[in-house]
PDB file of all heavy atoms in Angstrom:
ATOM      1  N   GLY A   1      39.142 150.468 134.605  1.00  0.00           N
ATOM      2  CA  GLY A   1      38.008 151.368 134.414  1.00  0.00           C
ATOM      3  C   GLY A   1      38.390 152.752 133.931  1.00  0.00           C
ATOM      4  O   GLY A   1      37.716 153.332 133.070  1.00  0.00           O
ATOM      5  N   ALA A   2      39.488 153.309 134.476  1.00  0.00           N
ATOM      6  CA  ALA A   2      39.799 154.720 134.236  1.00  0.00           C
ATOM      7  C   ALA A   2      40.473 154.990 132.891  1.00  0.00           C
ATOM      8  O   ALA A   2      40.064 155.910 132.169  1.00  0.00           O
ATOM      9  CB  ALA A   2      40.679 155.250 135.369  1.00  0.00           C
ATOM     10  N   ILE A   3      41.498 154.222 132.559  1.00  0.00           N
ATOM     11  CA  ILE A   3      42.270 154.550 131.357  1.00  0.00           C
ATOM     12  C   ILE A   3      41.450 154.373 130.068  1.00  0.00           C
ATOM     13  O   ILE A   3      41.424 155.284 129.227  1.00  0.00           O
ATOM     14  CB  ILE A   3      43.581 153.738 131.314  1.00  0.00           C
ATOM     15  CG1 ILE A   3      44.487 154.178 132.476  1.00  0.00           C
ATOM     16  CG2 ILE A   3      44.290 153.939 129.976  1.00  0.00           C
ATOM     17  CD1 ILE A   3      45.815 153.474 132.540  1.00  0.00           C
ATOM     18  N   PRO A   4      40.750 153.244 129.872  1.00  0.00           N
ATOM     19  CA  PRO A   4      39.916 153.151 128.662  1.00  0.00           C
ATOM     20  C   PRO A   4      38.826 154.224 128.625  1.00  0.00           C
ATOM     21  O   PRO A   4      38.530 154.770 127.555  1.00  0.00           O
ATOM     22  CB  PRO A   4      39.306 151.746 128.763  1.00  0.00           C
ATOM     23  CG  PRO A   4      40.259 150.983 129.621  1.00  0.00           C
ATOM     24  CD  PRO A   4      40.757 151.974 130.624  1.00  0.00           C
ATOM     25  N   ALA A   5      38.232 154.539 129.790  1.00  0.00           N
ATOM     26  CA  ALA A   5      37.180 155.556 129.820  1.00  0.00           C
ATOM     27  C   ALA A   5      37.744 156.931 129.477  1.00  0.00           C
ATOM     28  O   ALA A   5      37.093 157.735 128.802  1.00  0.00           O
ATOM     29  CB  ALA A   5      36.518 155.584 131.192  1.00  0.00           C
ATOM     30  N   ALA A   6      38.966 157.205 129.955  1.00  0.00           N
ATOM     31  CA  ALA A   6      39.605 158.486 129.650  1.00  0.00           C
ATOM     32  C   ALA A   6      39.853 158.623 128.151  1.00  0.00           C
ATOM     33  O   ALA A   6      39.662 159.700 127.566  1.00  0.00           O
ATOM     34  CB  ALA A   6      40.918 158.601 130.418  1.00  0.00           C
ATOM     35  N   ARG A   7      40.277 157.541 127.535  1.00  0.00           N
ATOM     36  CA  ARG A   7      40.530 157.571 126.090  1.00  0.00           C
ATOM     37  C   ARG A   7      39.223 157.671 125.314  1.00  0.00           C
ATOM     38  O   ARG A   7      39.110 158.441 124.357  1.00  0.00           O
ATOM     39  CB  ARG A   7      41.297 156.312 125.674  1.00  0.00           C
ATOM     40  CG  ARG A   7      41.657 156.260 124.195  1.00  0.00           C
ATOM     41  CD  ARG A   7      42.550 157.405 123.793  1.00  0.00           C
ATOM     42  NE  ARG A   7      43.097 157.217 122.449  1.00  0.00           N
ATOM     43  CZ  ARG A   7      43.848 158.097 121.823  1.00  0.00           C
ATOM     44  NH1 ARG A   7      44.152 159.239 122.407  1.00  0.00           N
ATOM     45  NH2 ARG A   7      44.311 157.855 120.610  1.00  0.00           N
ATOM     46  N   LEU A   8      38.220 156.887 125.727  1.00  0.00           N
ATOM     47  CA  LEU A   8      36.935 156.888 125.039  1.00  0.00           C
ATOM     48  C   LEU A   8      36.284 158.269 125.096  1.00  0.00           C
ATOM     49  O   LEU A   8      35.749 158.760 124.094  1.00  0.00           O
ATOM     50  CB  LEU A   8      36.005 155.846 125.663  1.00  0.00           C
ATOM     51  CG  LEU A   8      34.592 155.755 125.078  1.00  0.00           C
ATOM     52  CD1 LEU A   8      34.656 155.350 123.602  1.00  0.00           C
ATOM     53  CD2 LEU A   8      33.753 154.747 125.871  1.00  0.00           C
ATOM     54  N   TYR A   9      36.345 158.892 126.267  1.00  0.00           N
ATOM     55  CA  TYR A   9      35.793 160.239 126.447  1.00  0.00           C
ATOM     56  C   TYR A   9      36.433 161.207 125.455  1.00  0.00           C
ATOM     57  O   TYR A   9      35.744 161.992 124.799  1.00  0.00           O
ATOM     58  CB  TYR A   9      36.056 160.674 127.885  1.00  0.00           C
ATOM     59  CG  TYR A   9      35.442 161.992 128.313  1.00  0.00           C
ATOM     60  CD1 TYR A   9      34.296 162.018 129.099  1.00  0.00           C
ATOM     61  CD2 TYR A   9      36.023 163.211 127.971  1.00  0.00           C
ATOM     62  CE1 TYR A   9      33.744 163.221 129.526  1.00  0.00           C
ATOM     63  CE2 TYR A   9      35.482 164.410 128.383  1.00  0.00           C
ATOM     64  CZ  TYR A   9      34.340 164.411 129.165  1.00  0.00           C
ATOM     65  OH  TYR A   9      33.800 165.597 129.582  1.00  0.00           O
ATOM     66  N   TYR A  10      37.751 161.144 125.338  1.00  0.00           N
ATOM     67  CA  TYR A  10      38.485 162.032 124.434  1.00  0.00           C
ATOM     68  C   TYR A  10      38.124 161.750 122.977  1.00  0.00           C
ATOM     69  O   TYR A  10      37.856 162.677 122.202  1.00  0.00           O
ATOM     70  CB  TYR A  10      39.986 161.867 124.651  1.00  0.00           C
ATOM     71  CG  TYR A  10      40.828 162.770 123.786  1.00  0.00           C
ATOM     72  CD1 TYR A  10      41.114 164.071 124.182  1.00  0.00           C
ATOM     73  CD2 TYR A  10      41.340 162.332 122.566  1.00  0.00           C
ATOM     74  CE1 TYR A  10      41.877 164.914 123.386  1.00  0.00           C
ATOM     75  CE2 TYR A  10      42.105 163.157 121.764  1.00  0.00           C
ATOM     76  CZ  TYR A  10      42.378 164.445 122.182  1.00  0.00           C
ATOM     77  OH  TYR A  10      43.131 165.276 121.387  1.00  0.00           O
ATOM     78  N   VAL A  11      38.100 160.479 122.597  1.00  0.00           N
ATOM     79  CA  VAL A  11      37.839 160.104 121.204  1.00  0.00           C
ATOM     80  C   VAL A  11      36.436 160.520 120.782  1.00  0.00           C
ATOM     81  O   VAL A  11      36.219 160.981 119.653  1.00  0.00           O
ATOM     82  CB  VAL A  11      38.041 158.587 121.006  1.00  0.00           C
ATOM     83  CG1 VAL A  11      37.519 158.144 119.637  1.00  0.00           C
ATOM     84  CG2 VAL A  11      39.520 158.224 121.135  1.00  0.00           C
ATOM     85  N   ILE A  12      35.459 160.380 121.679  1.00  0.00           N
ATOM     86  CA  ILE A  12      34.078 160.752 121.353  1.00  0.00           C
ATOM     87  C   ILE A  12      33.993 162.221 120.945  1.00  0.00           C
ATOM     88  O   ILE A  12      33.353 162.567 119.948  1.00  0.00           O
ATOM     89  CB  ILE A  12      33.145 160.472 122.545  1.00  0.00           C
ATOM     90  CG1 ILE A  12      32.935 158.964 122.707  1.00  0.00           C
ATOM     91  CG2 ILE A  12      31.801 161.173 122.373  1.00  0.00           C
ATOM     92  CD1 ILE A  12      32.154 158.576 123.952  1.00  0.00           C
ATOM     93  N   PHE A  13      34.660 163.084 121.708  1.00  0.00           N
ATOM     94  CA  PHE A  13      34.584 164.508 121.426  1.00  0.00           C
ATOM     95  C   PHE A  13      35.570 164.959 120.341  1.00  0.00           C
ATOM     96  O   PHE A  13      35.498 166.099 119.883  1.00  0.00           O
ATOM     97  CB  PHE A  13      34.815 165.312 122.707  1.00  0.00           C
ATOM     98  CG  PHE A  13      33.650 165.236 123.662  1.00  0.00           C
ATOM     99  CD1 PHE A  13      33.692 164.392 124.752  1.00  0.00           C
ATOM    100  CD2 PHE A  13      32.510 165.977 123.431  1.00  0.00           C
ATOM    101  CE1 PHE A  13      32.617 164.310 125.632  1.00  0.00           C
ATOM    102  CE2 PHE A  13      31.421 165.901 124.304  1.00  0.00           C
ATOM    103  CZ  PHE A  13      31.472 165.063 125.401  1.00  0.00           C
ATOM    104  N   GLU A  14      36.476 164.078 119.938  1.00  0.00           N
ATOM    105  CA  GLU A  14      37.410 164.388 118.860  1.00  0.00           C
ATOM    106  C   GLU A  14      37.245 163.393 117.712  1.00  0.00           C
ATOM    107  O   GLU A  14      38.203 163.074 117.011  1.00  0.00           O
ATOM    108  CB  GLU A  14      38.851 164.330 119.384  1.00  0.00           C
ATOM    109  CG  GLU A  14      39.217 165.461 120.325  1.00  0.00           C
ATOM    110  CD  GLU A  14      39.388 166.779 119.591  1.00  0.00           C
ATOM    111  OE1 GLU A  14      40.175 166.825 118.626  1.00  0.00           O
ATOM    112  OE2 GLU A  14      38.730 167.758 119.982  1.00  0.00           O
ATOM    113  N   TRP A  15      35.998 162.917 117.529  1.00  0.00           N
ATOM    114  CA  TRP A  15      35.754 161.853 116.561  1.00  0.00           C
ATOM    115  C   TRP A  15      36.169 162.235 115.142  1.00  0.00           C
ATOM    116  O   TRP A  15      36.601 161.386 114.358  1.00  0.00           O
ATOM    117  CB  TRP A  15      34.288 161.438 116.577  1.00  0.00           C
ATOM    118  CG  TRP A  15      33.990 160.337 115.609  1.00  0.00           C
ATOM    119  CD1 TRP A  15      33.169 160.378 114.532  1.00  0.00           C
ATOM    120  CD2 TRP A  15      34.551 159.010 115.627  1.00  0.00           C
ATOM    121  NE1 TRP A  15      33.161 159.167 113.879  1.00  0.00           N
ATOM    122  CE2 TRP A  15      34.000 158.311 114.525  1.00  0.00           C
ATOM    123  CE3 TRP A  15      35.452 158.358 116.460  1.00  0.00           C
ATOM    124  CZ2 TRP A  15      34.324 156.991 114.249  1.00  0.00           C
ATOM    125  CZ3 TRP A  15      35.777 157.033 116.175  1.00  0.00           C
ATOM    126  CH2 TRP A  15      35.226 156.367 115.086  1.00  0.00           C
ATOM    127  N   SER A  16      36.064 163.506 114.800  1.00  0.00           N
ATOM    128  CA  SER A  16      36.451 163.924 113.447  1.00  0.00           C
ATOM    129  C   SER A  16      37.914 163.627 113.154  1.00  0.00           C
ATOM    130  O   SER A  16      38.301 163.422 111.999  1.00  0.00           O
ATOM    131  CB  SER A  16      36.184 165.426 113.264  1.00  0.00           C
ATOM    132  OG  SER A  16      36.923 166.188 114.209  1.00  0.00           O
ATOM    133  N   ARG A  17      38.754 163.589 114.197  1.00  0.00           N
ATOM    134  CA  ARG A  17      40.180 163.290 114.016  1.00  0.00           C
ATOM    135  C   ARG A  17      40.430 161.806 113.826  1.00  0.00           C
ATOM    136  O   ARG A  17      41.442 161.407 113.243  1.00  0.00           O
ATOM    137  CB  ARG A  17      40.980 163.769 115.232  1.00  0.00           C
ATOM    138  CG  ARG A  17      41.031 165.264 115.404  1.00  0.00           C
ATOM    139  CD  ARG A  17      41.765 165.640 116.665  1.00  0.00           C
ATOM    140  NE  ARG A  17      43.085 165.006 116.748  1.00  0.00           N
ATOM    141  CZ  ARG A  17      43.879 165.088 117.813  1.00  0.00           C
ATOM    142  NH1 ARG A  17      43.474 165.750 118.886  1.00  0.00           N
ATOM    143  NH2 ARG A  17      45.060 164.502 117.811  1.00  0.00           N
ATOM    144  N   TYR A  18      39.530 160.969 114.342  1.00  0.00           N
ATOM    145  CA  TYR A  18      39.770 159.520 114.335  1.00  0.00           C
ATOM    146  C   TYR A  18      38.888 158.764 113.341  1.00  0.00           C
ATOM    147  O   TYR A  18      39.136 157.586 113.077  1.00  0.00           O
ATOM    148  CB  TYR A  18      39.549 158.957 115.739  1.00  0.00           C
ATOM    149  CG  TYR A  18      40.542 159.491 116.743  1.00  0.00           C
ATOM    150  CD1 TYR A  18      40.212 160.556 117.582  1.00  0.00           C
ATOM    151  CD2 TYR A  18      41.816 158.950 116.854  1.00  0.00           C
ATOM    152  CE1 TYR A  18      41.126 161.062 118.497  1.00  0.00           C
ATOM    153  CE2 TYR A  18      42.736 159.452 117.760  1.00  0.00           C
ATOM    154  CZ  TYR A  18      42.384 160.508 118.578  1.00  0.00           C
ATOM    155  OH  TYR A  18      43.300 161.009 119.479  1.00  0.00           O
ATOM    156  N   ALA A  19      37.873 159.414 112.805  1.00  0.00           N
ATOM    157  CA  ALA A  19      36.954 158.723 111.898  1.00  0.00           C
ATOM    158  C   ALA A  19      37.671 158.165 110.680  1.00  0.00           C
ATOM    159  O   ALA A  19      37.370 157.055 110.220  1.00  0.00           O
ATOM    160  CB  ALA A  19      35.840 159.677 111.467  1.00  0.00           C
ATOM    161  N   GLN A  20      38.644 158.927 110.153  1.00  0.00           N
ATOM    162  CA  GLN A  20      39.370 158.482 108.968  1.00  0.00           C
ATOM    163  C   GLN A  20      40.560 157.592 109.302  1.00  0.00           C
ATOM    164  O   GLN A  20      41.100 156.923 108.424  1.00  0.00           O
ATOM    165  CB  GLN A  20      39.860 159.708 108.172  1.00  0.00           C
ATOM    166  CG  GLN A  20      38.750 160.647 107.733  1.00  0.00           C
ATOM    167  CD  GLN A  20      37.732 159.957 106.847  1.00  0.00           C
ATOM    168  OE1 GLN A  20      38.083 159.135 105.997  1.00  0.00           O
ATOM    169  NE2 GLN A  20      36.459 160.276 107.070  1.00  0.00           N
ATOM    170  N   ASN A  21      40.965 157.607 110.576  1.00  0.00           N
ATOM    171  CA  ASN A  21      42.098 156.780 111.002  1.00  0.00           C
ATOM    172  C   ASN A  21      41.756 156.058 112.302  1.00  0.00           C
ATOM    173  O   ASN A  21      42.345 156.330 113.352  1.00  0.00           O
ATOM    174  CB  ASN A  21      43.340 157.663 111.210  1.00  0.00           C
ATOM    175  CG  ASN A  21      43.757 158.395 109.959  1.00  0.00           C
ATOM    176  OD1 ASN A  21      44.311 157.811 109.035  1.00  0.00           O
ATOM    177  ND2 ASN A  21      43.480 159.700 109.928  1.00  0.00           N
ATOM    178  N   PRO A  22      40.805 155.142 112.261  1.00  0.00           N
ATOM    179  CA  PRO A  22      40.351 154.474 113.490  1.00  0.00           C
ATOM    180  C   PRO A  22      41.441 153.671 114.192  1.00  0.00           C
ATOM    181  O   PRO A  22      41.340 153.418 115.396  1.00  0.00           O
ATOM    182  CB  PRO A  22      39.218 153.551 113.004  1.00  0.00           C
ATOM    183  CG  PRO A  22      39.462 153.386 111.539  1.00  0.00           C
ATOM    184  CD  PRO A  22      40.072 154.673 111.072  1.00  0.00           C
ATOM    185  N   GLU A  23      42.500 153.295 113.461  1.00  0.00           N
ATOM    186  CA  GLU A  23      43.580 152.540 114.098  1.00  0.00           C
ATOM    187  C   GLU A  23      44.310 153.385 115.138  1.00  0.00           C
ATOM    188  O   GLU A  23      44.965 152.844 116.040  1.00  0.00           O
ATOM    189  CB  GLU A  23      44.571 152.027 113.040  1.00  0.00           C
ATOM    190  CG  GLU A  23      45.413 153.091 112.361  1.00  0.00           C
ATOM    191  CD  GLU A  23      44.699 153.810 111.221  1.00  0.00           C
ATOM    192  OE1 GLU A  23      43.525 153.468 110.966  1.00  0.00           O
ATOM    193  OE2 GLU A  23      45.310 154.701 110.601  1.00  0.00           O
ATOM    194  N   ARG A  24      44.195 154.698 115.047  1.00  0.00           N
ATOM    195  CA  ARG A  24      44.857 155.576 116.010  1.00  0.00           C
ATOM    196  C   ARG A  24      44.085 155.703 117.318  1.00  0.00           C
ATOM    197  O   ARG A  24      44.582 156.305 118.272  1.00  0.00           O
ATOM    198  CB  ARG A  24      45.050 156.969 115.397  1.00  0.00           C
ATOM    199  CG  ARG A  24      46.035 157.002 114.244  1.00  0.00           C
ATOM    200  CD  ARG A  24      46.228 158.408 113.747  1.00  0.00           C
ATOM    201  NE  ARG A  24      46.705 159.289 114.810  1.00  0.00           N
ATOM    202  CZ  ARG A  24      46.585 160.608 114.785  1.00  0.00           C
ATOM    203  NH1 ARG A  24      45.978 161.195 113.762  1.00  0.00           N
ATOM    204  NH2 ARG A  24      47.061 161.343 115.771  1.00  0.00           N
ATOM    205  N   ILE A  25      42.888 155.139 117.372  1.00  0.00           N
ATOM    206  CA  ILE A  25      42.089 155.226 118.597  1.00  0.00           C
ATOM    207  C   ILE A  25      42.824 154.609 119.771  1.00  0.00           C
ATOM    208  O   ILE A  25      42.760 155.106 120.896  1.00  0.00           O
ATOM    209  CB  ILE A  25      40.713 154.548 118.397  1.00  0.00           C
ATOM    210  CG1 ILE A  25      39.873 155.371 117.409  1.00  0.00           C
ATOM    211  CG2 ILE A  25      39.988 154.380 119.725  1.00  0.00           C
ATOM    212  CD1 ILE A  25      38.533 154.742 117.070  1.00  0.00           C
ATOM    213  N   ILE A  26      43.548 153.531 119.518  1.00  0.00           N
ATOM    214  CA  ILE A  26      44.239 152.846 120.611  1.00  0.00           C
ATOM    215  C   ILE A  26      45.629 153.423 120.875  1.00  0.00           C
ATOM    216  O   ILE A  26      46.316 152.988 121.800  1.00  0.00           O
ATOM    217  CB  ILE A  26      44.373 151.337 120.326  1.00  0.00           C
ATOM    218  CG1 ILE A  26      45.237 151.100 119.081  1.00  0.00           C
ATOM    219  CG2 ILE A  26      43.006 150.692 120.190  1.00  0.00           C
ATOM    220  CD1 ILE A  26      45.572 149.634 118.848  1.00  0.00           C
ATOM    221  N   ALA A  27      46.049 154.424 120.105  1.00  0.00           N
ATOM    222  CA  ALA A  27      47.402 154.985 120.250  1.00  0.00           C
ATOM    223  C   ALA A  27      47.443 155.969 121.417  1.00  0.00           C
ATOM    224  O   ALA A  27      47.718 157.161 121.256  1.00  0.00           O
ATOM    225  CB  ALA A  27      47.838 155.658 118.956  1.00  0.00           C
ATOM    226  N   ILE A  28      47.193 155.468 122.603  1.00  0.00           N
ATOM    227  CA  ILE A  28      47.126 156.311 123.789  1.00  0.00           C
ATOM    228  C   ILE A  28      48.481 156.922 124.124  1.00  0.00           C
ATOM    229  O   ILE A  28      48.572 157.966 124.771  1.00  0.00           O
ATOM    230  CB  ILE A  28      46.583 155.475 124.982  1.00  0.00           C
ATOM    231  CG1 ILE A  28      46.185 156.400 126.132  1.00  0.00           C
ATOM    232  CG2 ILE A  28      47.588 154.430 125.410  1.00  0.00           C
ATOM    233  CD1 ILE A  28      45.475 155.671 127.242  1.00  0.00           C
ATOM    234  N   TRP A  29      49.562 156.285 123.667  1.00  0.00           N
ATOM    235  CA  TRP A  29      50.910 156.797 123.937  1.00  0.00           C
ATOM    236  C   TRP A  29      51.159 158.124 123.210  1.00  0.00           C
ATOM    237  O   TRP A  29      52.104 158.829 123.544  1.00  0.00           O
ATOM    238  CB  TRP A  29      51.951 155.774 123.516  1.00  0.00           C
ATOM    239  CG  TRP A  29      51.802 155.326 122.104  1.00  0.00           C
ATOM    240  CD1 TRP A  29      52.316 155.916 120.978  1.00  0.00           C
ATOM    241  CD2 TRP A  29      51.045 154.201 121.635  1.00  0.00           C
ATOM    242  NE1 TRP A  29      51.940 155.237 119.848  1.00  0.00           N
ATOM    243  CE2 TRP A  29      51.167 154.169 120.214  1.00  0.00           C
ATOM    244  CE3 TRP A  29      50.287 153.217 122.268  1.00  0.00           C
ATOM    245  CZ2 TRP A  29      50.545 153.187 119.453  1.00  0.00           C
ATOM    246  CZ3 TRP A  29      49.678 152.242 121.492  1.00  0.00           C
ATOM    247  CH2 TRP A  29      49.813 152.238 120.108  1.00  0.00           C
ATOM    248  N   GLU A  30      50.331 158.468 122.241  1.00  0.00           N
ATOM    249  CA  GLU A  30      50.465 159.739 121.547  1.00  0.00           C
ATOM    250  C   GLU A  30      49.804 160.885 122.316  1.00  0.00           C
ATOM    251  O   GLU A  30      49.870 162.036 121.890  1.00  0.00           O
ATOM    252  CB  GLU A  30      49.846 159.645 120.148  1.00  0.00           C
ATOM    253  CG  GLU A  30      50.555 158.652 119.229  1.00  0.00           C
ATOM    254  CD  GLU A  30      49.898 158.569 117.875  1.00  0.00           C
ATOM    255  OE1 GLU A  30      48.841 159.221 117.683  1.00  0.00           O
ATOM    256  OE2 GLU A  30      50.416 157.857 117.003  1.00  0.00           O
ATOM    257  N   GLY A  31      49.183 160.551 123.435  1.00  0.00           N
ATOM    258  CA  GLY A  31      48.430 161.546 124.182  1.00  0.00           C
ATOM    259  C   GLY A  31      46.964 161.459 123.812  1.00  0.00           C
ATOM    260  O   GLY A  31      46.548 160.655 122.977  1.00  0.00           O
ATOM    261  N   GLY A  32      46.153 162.295 124.444  1.00  0.00           N
ATOM    262  CA  GLY A  32      44.741 162.295 124.122  1.00  0.00           C
ATOM    263  C   GLY A  32      43.921 161.458 125.074  1.00  0.00           C
ATOM    264  O   GLY A  32      43.229 160.523 124.658  1.00  0.00           O
ATOM    265  N   ILE A  33      44.015 161.758 126.368  1.00  0.00           N
ATOM    266  CA  ILE A  33      43.117 161.165 127.351  1.00  0.00           C
ATOM    267  C   ILE A  33      42.519 162.302 128.159  1.00  0.00           C
ATOM    268  O   ILE A  33      43.137 163.348 128.334  1.00  0.00           O
ATOM    269  CB  ILE A  33      43.819 160.143 128.273  1.00  0.00           C
ATOM    270  CG1 ILE A  33      44.969 160.797 129.047  1.00  0.00           C
ATOM    271  CG2 ILE A  33      44.303 158.943 127.477  1.00  0.00           C
ATOM    272  CD1 ILE A  33      45.625 159.852 130.044  1.00  0.00           C
ATOM    273  N   ALA A  34      41.310 162.111 128.622  1.00  0.00           N
ATOM    274  CA  ALA A  34      40.589 163.165 129.344  1.00  0.00           C
ATOM    275  C   ALA A  34      40.408 162.750 130.792  1.00  0.00           C
ATOM    276  O   ALA A  34      39.861 161.681 131.076  1.00  0.00           O
ATOM    277  CB  ALA A  34      39.231 163.415 128.692  1.00  0.00           C
ATOM    278  N   ILE A  35      40.855 163.601 131.703  1.00  0.00           N
ATOM    279  CA  ILE A  35      40.792 163.261 133.121  1.00  0.00           C
ATOM    280  C   ILE A  35      39.356 163.074 133.593  1.00  0.00           C
ATOM    281  O   ILE A  35      39.089 162.238 134.458  1.00  0.00           O
ATOM    282  CB  ILE A  35      41.513 164.331 133.973  1.00  0.00           C
ATOM    283  CG1 ILE A  35      41.564 163.899 135.444  1.00  0.00           C
ATOM    284  CG2 ILE A  35      40.829 165.677 133.832  1.00  0.00           C
ATOM    285  CD1 ILE A  35      42.252 162.586 135.696  1.00  0.00           C
ATOM    286  N   HIS A  36      38.421 163.822 133.013  1.00  0.00           N
ATOM    287  CA  HIS A  36      37.035 163.635 133.439  1.00  0.00           C
ATOM    288  C   HIS A  36      36.520 162.254 133.046  1.00  0.00           C
ATOM    289  O   HIS A  36      35.740 161.643 133.776  1.00  0.00           O
ATOM    290  CB  HIS A  36      36.148 164.732 132.850  1.00  0.00           C
ATOM    291  CG  HIS A  36      36.307 166.047 133.551  1.00  0.00           C
ATOM    292  ND1 HIS A  36      36.516 167.229 132.887  1.00  0.00           N
ATOM    293  CD2 HIS A  36      36.321 166.360 134.874  1.00  0.00           C
ATOM    294  CE1 HIS A  36      36.622 168.218 133.761  1.00  0.00           C
ATOM    295  NE2 HIS A  36      36.518 167.713 134.965  1.00  0.00           N
ATOM    296  N   GLY A  37      36.960 161.763 131.908  1.00  0.00           N
ATOM    297  CA  GLY A  37      36.599 160.393 131.540  1.00  0.00           C
ATOM    298  C   GLY A  37      37.194 159.396 132.506  1.00  0.00           C
ATOM    299  O   GLY A  37      36.551 158.406 132.888  1.00  0.00           O
ATOM    300  N   ALA A  38      38.448 159.650 132.937  1.00  0.00           N
ATOM    301  CA  ALA A  38      39.098 158.762 133.904  1.00  0.00           C
ATOM    302  C   ALA A  38      38.372 158.777 135.242  1.00  0.00           C
ATOM    303  O   ALA A  38      38.210 157.732 135.885  1.00  0.00           O
ATOM    304  CB  ALA A  38      40.553 159.189 134.097  1.00  0.00           C
ATOM    305  N   ILE A  39      37.936 159.949 135.681  1.00  0.00           N
ATOM    306  CA  ILE A  39      37.216 160.050 136.949  1.00  0.00           C
ATOM    307  C   ILE A  39      35.890 159.290 136.885  1.00  0.00           C
ATOM    308  O   ILE A  39      35.529 158.553 137.817  1.00  0.00           O
ATOM    309  CB  ILE A  39      36.968 161.526 137.316  1.00  0.00           C
ATOM    310  CG1 ILE A  39      38.305 162.221 137.604  1.00  0.00           C
ATOM    311  CG2 ILE A  39      36.043 161.648 138.521  1.00  0.00           C
ATOM    312  CD1 ILE A  39      38.188 163.722 137.772  1.00  0.00           C
ATOM    313  N   ILE A  40      35.181 159.451 135.769  1.00  0.00           N
ATOM    314  CA  ILE A  40      33.905 158.738 135.607  1.00  0.00           C
ATOM    315  C   ILE A  40      34.130 157.232 135.587  1.00  0.00           C
ATOM    316  O   ILE A  40      33.459 156.466 136.295  1.00  0.00           O
ATOM    317  CB  ILE A  40      33.197 159.199 134.316  1.00  0.00           C
ATOM    318  CG1 ILE A  40      32.776 160.671 134.449  1.00  0.00           C
ATOM    319  CG2 ILE A  40      31.982 158.315 134.026  1.00  0.00           C
ATOM    320  CD1 ILE A  40      32.292 161.290 133.152  1.00  0.00           C
TER     321      ILE A  40
END
């Protein structure tokens, strides 16, 4: 529940960075997770 939500939360608010490179959405090892998304 937490890790995908943390990534999704981050990607939603940084969509301009991922719109042109959607394959990077799953590149969680590069960083880019939001603790509030994980808590939710």
